[in-house]
Amino acid sequence: MRKLKMSELNRLSVQEFKSARKLPVVIVLDNIRSQNNIGSIFRTADAFRCQAIYLCGITATPPHREIQKTALGATDSVSWKYYTDTLQTIQDLKIANYKIYAVEQTDKSIPIDAFDPDIRSGIAVIFGNEVSGIDDQVLMQVDGCIEIPQSGTKHSLNISIAAGIVLWDLYQKGKKLFI
């Protein structure tokens, strides 16, 4: 066994990525504090060829050195947009016929393994602040909540880890349709 060389990975160029068919998933970051988390999510969005990232509220935007440390150039390939208000983001996504799902632990959350969205119509997944989660006003506007089941002592995962799990799951459920 040997590790593959970079030249053997057959990755898309940035231009090829921009014109390639995307998984119709928009990632909404609701007031994320850590620029390292933001960069990691850009990198994951690139890996799973997600449509876009919407950065909201206090969430930092590229270009920024701390985002670049973990994004490793994914801010050049993944489309992104900044909104001052997450509620406006949701309103715009609903007008564009996206179904909106929060990744949050609520009394009505759907375990991710039971989550079966119609990806063809486009979905948006919202990830919330590292301390306070998704704002209650935002939760009132979503179509549903997704939860990652956990059985340890901690009550949550780091946002970049949660995003990786959720986006991989959506990629598995939708890649046959889009990639």
C-alpha atoms as a PDB file:
ATOM      1  CA  MET A   1       0.000   0.000   0.000  1.00  0.00           C
ATOM      2  CA  ARG A   2       1.176   3.523  -0.793  1.00  0.00           C
ATOM      3  CA  LYS A   3      -0.210   6.990  -0.409  1.00  0.00           C
ATOM      4  CA  LEU A   4      -1.453   8.553  -3.613  1.00  0.00           C
ATOM      5  CA  LYS A   5       0.456  11.510  -5.013  1.00  0.00           C
ATOM      6  CA  MET A   6      -1.391  14.788  -5.433  1.00  0.00           C
ATOM      7  CA  SER A   7      -1.252  14.292  -9.202  1.00  0.00           C
ATOM      8  CA  GLU A   8      -3.088  10.970  -8.818  1.00  0.00           C
ATOM      9  CA  LEU A   9      -6.075  12.417  -6.921  1.00  0.00           C
ATOM     10  CA  ASN A  10      -7.711  13.839 -10.072  1.00  0.00           C
ATOM     11  CA  ARG A  11      -9.083  16.908  -8.290  1.00  0.00           C
ATOM     12  CA  LEU A  12     -10.897  19.674 -10.126  1.00  0.00           C
ATOM     13  CA  SER A  13      -9.231  23.014 -10.724  1.00  0.00           C
ATOM     14  CA  VAL A  14     -10.939  26.034  -9.182  1.00  0.00           C
ATOM     15  CA  GLN A  15     -12.389  26.938 -12.595  1.00  0.00           C
ATOM     16  CA  GLU A  16     -13.626  23.380 -13.171  1.00  0.00           C
ATOM     17  CA  PHE A  17     -15.162  23.375  -9.684  1.00  0.00           C
ATOM     18  CA  LYS A  18     -16.991  26.639 -10.319  1.00  0.00           C
ATOM     19  CA  SER A  19     -18.594  25.277 -13.496  1.00  0.00           C
ATOM     20  CA  ALA A  20     -19.230  21.737 -12.187  1.00  0.00           C
ATOM     21  CA  ARG A  21     -22.653  20.558 -11.120  1.00  0.00           C
ATOM     22  CA  LYS A  22     -23.163  21.103  -7.382  1.00  0.00           C
ATOM     23  CA  LEU A  23     -25.026  19.367  -4.624  1.00  0.00           C
ATOM     24  CA  PRO A  24     -27.958  21.788  -4.074  1.00  0.00           C
ATOM     25  CA  VAL A  25     -27.053  22.424  -0.454  1.00  0.00           C
ATOM     26  CA  VAL A  26     -26.516  25.907   0.963  1.00  0.00           C
ATOM     27  CA  ILE A  27     -24.715  26.123   4.287  1.00  0.00           C
ATOM     28  CA  VAL A  28     -25.851  28.970   6.553  1.00  0.00           C
ATOM     29  CA  LEU A  29     -23.468  29.988   9.336  1.00  0.00           C
ATOM     30  CA  ASP A  30     -25.398  31.847  12.049  1.00  0.00           C
ATOM     31  CA  ASN A  31     -23.041  34.065  14.099  1.00  0.00           C
ATOM     32  CA  ILE A  32     -20.002  31.790  14.150  1.00  0.00           C
ATOM     33  CA  ARG A  33     -17.168  33.153  16.314  1.00  0.00           C
ATOM     34  CA  SER A  34     -14.212  30.989  15.306  1.00  0.00           C
ATOM     35  CA  GLN A  35     -12.573  31.802  12.019  1.00  0.00           C
ATOM     36  CA  ASN A  36     -10.892  28.384  12.115  1.00  0.00           C
ATOM     37  CA  ASN A  37     -14.355  26.786  12.162  1.00  0.00           C
ATOM     38  CA  ILE A  38     -15.417  28.967   9.228  1.00  0.00           C
ATOM     39  CA  GLY A  39     -12.370  27.920   7.219  1.00  0.00           C
ATOM     40  CA  SER A  40     -12.915  24.243   8.029  1.00  0.00           C
ATOM     41  CA  ILE A  41     -16.508  24.476   6.805  1.00  0.00           C
ATOM     42  CA  PHE A  42     -15.349  26.092   3.550  1.00  0.00           C
ATOM     43  CA  ARG A  43     -12.973  23.184   3.055  1.00  0.00           C
ATOM     44  CA  THR A  44     -15.719  20.632   3.761  1.00  0.00           C
ATOM     45  CA  ALA A  45     -18.120  22.448   1.408  1.00  0.00           C
ATOM     46  CA  ASP A  46     -15.488  22.169  -1.311  1.00  0.00           C
ATOM     47  CA  ALA A  47     -14.946  18.454  -0.611  1.00  0.00           C
ATOM     48  CA  PHE A  48     -18.651  17.680  -1.009  1.00  0.00           C
ATOM     49  CA  ARG A  49     -19.207  20.208  -3.827  1.00  0.00           C
ATOM     50  CA  CYS A  50     -21.886  22.167  -1.981  1.00  0.00           C
ATOM     51  CA  GLN A  51     -23.608  25.014  -3.766  1.00  0.00           C
ATOM     52  CA  ALA A  52     -22.713  27.884  -1.436  1.00  0.00           C
ATOM     53  CA  ILE A  53     -22.069  29.173   2.064  1.00  0.00           C
ATOM     54  CA  TYR A  54     -24.011  32.099   3.513  1.00  0.00           C
ATOM     55  CA  LEU A  55     -22.157  33.885   6.304  1.00  0.00           C
ATOM     56  CA  CYS A  56     -24.435  35.735   8.732  1.00  0.00           C
ATOM     57  CA  GLY A  57     -24.121  38.247  11.558  1.00  0.00           C
ATOM     58  CA  ILE A  58     -20.755  38.224  13.340  1.00  0.00           C
ATOM     59  CA  THR A  59     -19.444  35.405  11.123  1.00  0.00           C
ATOM     60  CA  ALA A  60     -16.203  36.623   9.550  1.00  0.00           C
ATOM     61  CA  THR A  61     -15.796  36.705   5.780  1.00  0.00           C
ATOM     62  CA  PRO A  62     -12.867  35.971   3.492  1.00  0.00           C
ATOM     63  CA  PRO A  63     -10.248  37.061   2.896  1.00  0.00           C
ATOM     64  CA  HIS A  64      -8.902  36.571   6.373  1.00  0.00           C
ATOM     65  CA  ARG A  65      -5.684  34.911   7.481  1.00  0.00           C
ATOM     66  CA  GLU A  66      -7.368  32.799  10.203  1.00  0.00           C
ATOM     67  CA  ILE A  67     -10.032  31.515   7.776  1.00  0.00           C
ATOM     68  CA  GLN A  68      -7.369  30.704   5.170  1.00  0.00           C
ATOM     69  CA  LYS A  69      -5.351  28.627   7.660  1.00  0.00           C
ATOM     70  CA  THR A  70      -8.026  25.931   7.648  1.00  0.00           C
ATOM     71  CA  ALA A  71      -9.785  26.616   4.326  1.00  0.00           C
ATOM     72  CA  LEU A  72      -6.557  26.033   2.364  1.00  0.00           C
ATOM     73  CA  GLY A  73      -7.905  27.889  -0.678  1.00  0.00           C
ATOM     74  CA  ALA A  74     -11.514  26.662  -0.546  1.00  0.00           C
ATOM     75  CA  THR A  75     -12.690  30.268  -0.240  1.00  0.00           C
ATOM     76  CA  ASP A  76     -11.665  30.596  -3.906  1.00  0.00           C
ATOM     77  CA  SER A  77     -13.734  27.624  -5.085  1.00  0.00           C
ATOM     78  CA  VAL A  78     -16.871  27.730  -2.913  1.00  0.00           C
ATOM     79  CA  SER A  79     -19.360  30.514  -3.617  1.00  0.00           C
ATOM     80  CA  TRP A  80     -20.260  32.588  -0.591  1.00  0.00           C
ATOM     81  CA  LYS A  81     -22.390  35.553   0.363  1.00  0.00           C
ATOM     82  CA  TYR A  82     -22.604  37.703   3.484  1.00  0.00           C
ATOM     83  CA  TYR A  83     -25.859  38.678   5.221  1.00  0.00           C
ATOM     84  CA  THR A  84     -26.073  40.920   8.276  1.00  0.00           C
ATOM     85  CA  ASP A  85     -29.214  39.085   9.402  1.00  0.00           C
ATOM     86  CA  THR A  86     -29.859  35.325   9.399  1.00  0.00           C
ATOM     87  CA  LEU A  87     -33.633  35.873   9.238  1.00  0.00           C
ATOM     88  CA  GLN A  88     -33.204  37.743   5.926  1.00  0.00           C
ATOM     89  CA  THR A  89     -31.078  34.849   4.673  1.00  0.00           C
ATOM     90  CA  ILE A  90     -33.875  32.397   5.464  1.00  0.00           C
ATOM     91  CA  GLN A  91     -36.452  34.616   3.802  1.00  0.00           C
ATOM     92  CA  ASP A  92     -34.364  34.803   0.604  1.00  0.00           C
ATOM     93  CA  LEU A  93     -33.806  31.023   0.612  1.00  0.00           C
ATOM     94  CA  LYS A  94     -37.536  30.349   1.060  1.00  0.00           C
ATOM     95  CA  ILE A  95     -38.342  32.670  -1.856  1.00  0.00           C
ATOM     96  CA  ALA A  96     -35.918  30.532  -3.888  1.00  0.00           C
ATOM     97  CA  ASN A  97     -37.876  27.400  -2.770  1.00  0.00           C
ATOM     98  CA  TYR A  98     -35.229  25.939  -0.466  1.00  0.00           C
ATOM     99  CA  LYS A  99     -36.259  23.831   2.504  1.00  0.00           C
ATOM    100  CA  ILE A 100     -34.504  25.112   5.614  1.00  0.00           C
ATOM    101  CA  TYR A 101     -33.151  22.812   8.327  1.00  0.00           C
ATOM    102  CA  ALA A 102     -31.394  23.791  11.526  1.00  0.00           C
ATOM    103  CA  VAL A 103     -28.745  21.529  12.995  1.00  0.00           C
ATOM    104  CA  GLU A 104     -29.840  21.819  16.604  1.00  0.00           C
ATOM    105  CA  GLN A 105     -31.030  19.733  19.537  1.00  0.00           C
ATOM    106  CA  THR A 106     -34.733  20.484  20.023  1.00  0.00           C
ATOM    107  CA  ASP A 107     -37.808  18.603  21.214  1.00  0.00           C
ATOM    108  CA  LYS A 108     -38.720  18.042  17.541  1.00  0.00           C
ATOM    109  CA  SER A 109     -35.282  17.203  16.096  1.00  0.00           C
ATOM    110  CA  ILE A 110     -34.971  14.374  13.572  1.00  0.00           C
ATOM    111  CA  PRO A 111     -31.978  12.074  14.096  1.00  0.00           C
ATOM    112  CA  ILE A 112     -29.719  12.482  11.074  1.00  0.00           C
ATOM    113  CA  ASP A 113     -29.950   8.786  10.175  1.00  0.00           C
ATOM    114  CA  ALA A 114     -33.757   9.172   9.879  1.00  0.00           C
ATOM    115  CA  PHE A 115     -33.527  12.448   7.940  1.00  0.00           C
ATOM    116  CA  ASP A 116     -34.667  11.860   4.336  1.00  0.00           C
ATOM    117  CA  PRO A 117     -34.898  15.209   2.538  1.00  0.00           C
ATOM    118  CA  ASP A 118     -35.810  15.781  -1.077  1.00  0.00           C
ATOM    119  CA  ILE A 119     -32.401  17.114  -2.028  1.00  0.00           C
ATOM    120  CA  ARG A 120     -33.474  17.734  -5.628  1.00  0.00           C
ATOM    121  CA  SER A 121     -35.479  20.796  -4.608  1.00  0.00           C
ATOM    122  CA  GLY A 122     -32.550  22.349  -2.724  1.00  0.00           C
ATOM    123  CA  ILE A 123     -31.995  22.522   0.991  1.00  0.00           C
ATOM    124  CA  ALA A 124     -30.223  24.852   3.374  1.00  0.00           C
ATOM    125  CA  VAL A 125     -28.658  23.729   6.638  1.00  0.00           C
ATOM    126  CA  ILE A 126     -28.056  26.231   9.417  1.00  0.00           C
ATOM    127  CA  PHE A 127     -25.235  25.861  11.921  1.00  0.00           C
ATOM    128  CA  GLY A 128     -25.295  28.086  14.997  1.00  0.00           C
ATOM    129  CA  ASN A 129     -22.994  29.912  17.347  1.00  0.00           C
ATOM    130  CA  GLU A 130     -20.473  27.773  19.212  1.00  0.00           C
ATOM    131  CA  VAL A 131     -21.858  28.783  22.621  1.00  0.00           C
ATOM    132  CA  SER A 132     -25.535  29.687  22.205  1.00  0.00           C
ATOM    133  CA  GLY A 133     -26.453  27.620  19.144  1.00  0.00           C
ATOM    134  CA  ILE A 134     -29.041  28.837  16.656  1.00  0.00           C
ATOM    135  CA  ASP A 135     -31.050  31.898  17.661  1.00  0.00           C
ATOM    136  CA  ASP A 136     -34.614  31.108  18.822  1.00  0.00           C
ATOM    137  CA  GLN A 137     -36.121  33.517  16.258  1.00  0.00           C
ATOM    138  CA  VAL A 138     -34.264  31.657  13.520  1.00  0.00           C
ATOM    139  CA  LEU A 139     -35.510  28.283  14.820  1.00  0.00           C
ATOM    140  CA  MET A 140     -39.092  29.500  14.501  1.00  0.00           C
ATOM    141  CA  GLN A 141     -38.575  30.016  10.753  1.00  0.00           C
ATOM    142  CA  VAL A 142     -37.078  26.642   9.779  1.00  0.00           C
ATOM    143  CA  ASP A 143     -38.836  23.672   8.197  1.00  0.00           C
ATOM    144  CA  GLY A 144     -37.253  21.237  10.642  1.00  0.00           C
ATOM    145  CA  CYS A 145     -34.286  20.388  12.844  1.00  0.00           C
ATOM    146  CA  ILE A 146     -31.628  17.728  12.392  1.00  0.00           C
ATOM    147  CA  GLU A 147     -29.783  16.230  15.342  1.00  0.00           C
ATOM    148  CA  ILE A 148     -26.620  14.143  15.422  1.00  0.00           C
ATOM    149  CA  PRO A 149     -27.231  11.428  18.043  1.00  0.00           C
ATOM    150  CA  GLN A 150     -24.536  11.308  20.716  1.00  0.00           C
ATOM    151  CA  SER A 151     -23.987   8.960  23.622  1.00  0.00           C
ATOM    152  CA  GLY A 152     -21.033  10.454  25.512  1.00  0.00           C
ATOM    153  CA  THR A 153     -20.904  12.932  28.363  1.00  0.00           C
ATOM    154  CA  LYS A 154     -20.694  16.117  26.268  1.00  0.00           C
ATOM    155  CA  HIS A 155     -23.871  17.703  24.957  1.00  0.00           C
ATOM    156  CA  SER A 156     -22.572  18.926  21.605  1.00  0.00           C
ATOM    157  CA  LEU A 157     -19.934  18.612  18.902  1.00  0.00           C
ATOM    158  CA  ASN A 158     -17.642  21.314  17.567  1.00  0.00           C
ATOM    159  CA  ILE A 159     -19.428  23.088  14.711  1.00  0.00           C
ATOM    160  CA  SER A 160     -16.844  22.091  12.102  1.00  0.00           C
ATOM    161  CA  ILE A 161     -17.195  18.427  13.126  1.00  0.00           C
ATOM    162  CA  ALA A 162     -21.009  18.657  13.102  1.00  0.00           C
ATOM    163  CA  ALA A 163     -20.886  20.298   9.664  1.00  0.00           C
ATOM    164  CA  GLY A 164     -18.630  17.529   8.364  1.00  0.00           C
ATOM    165  CA  ILE A 165     -21.033  14.838   9.573  1.00  0.00           C
ATOM    166  CA  VAL A 166     -24.160  16.546   8.229  1.00  0.00           C
ATOM    167  CA  LEU A 167     -22.621  17.482   4.870  1.00  0.00           C
ATOM    168  CA  TRP A 168     -21.178  13.997   4.356  1.00  0.00           C
ATOM    169  CA  ASP A 169     -24.609  12.541   5.092  1.00  0.00           C
ATOM    170  CA  LEU A 170     -26.286  14.895   2.586  1.00  0.00           C
ATOM    171  CA  TYR A 171     -23.581  14.134   0.034  1.00  0.00           C
ATOM    172  CA  GLN A 172     -24.213  10.397   0.422  1.00  0.00           C
ATOM    173  CA  LYS A 173     -27.965  10.921   0.036  1.00  0.00           C
ATOM    174  CA  GLY A 174     -27.684  13.207  -2.990  1.00  0.00           C
ATOM    175  CA  LYS A 175     -24.504  12.443  -4.910  1.00  0.00           C
ATOM    176  CA  LYS A 176     -26.182   9.999  -7.293  1.00  0.00           C
ATOM    177  CA  LEU A 177     -28.498  12.805  -8.393  1.00  0.00           C
ATOM    178  CA  PHE A 178     -25.920  15.548  -8.786  1.00  0.00           C
ATOM    179  CA  ILE A 179     -22.302  14.455  -8.830  1.00  0.00           C
END
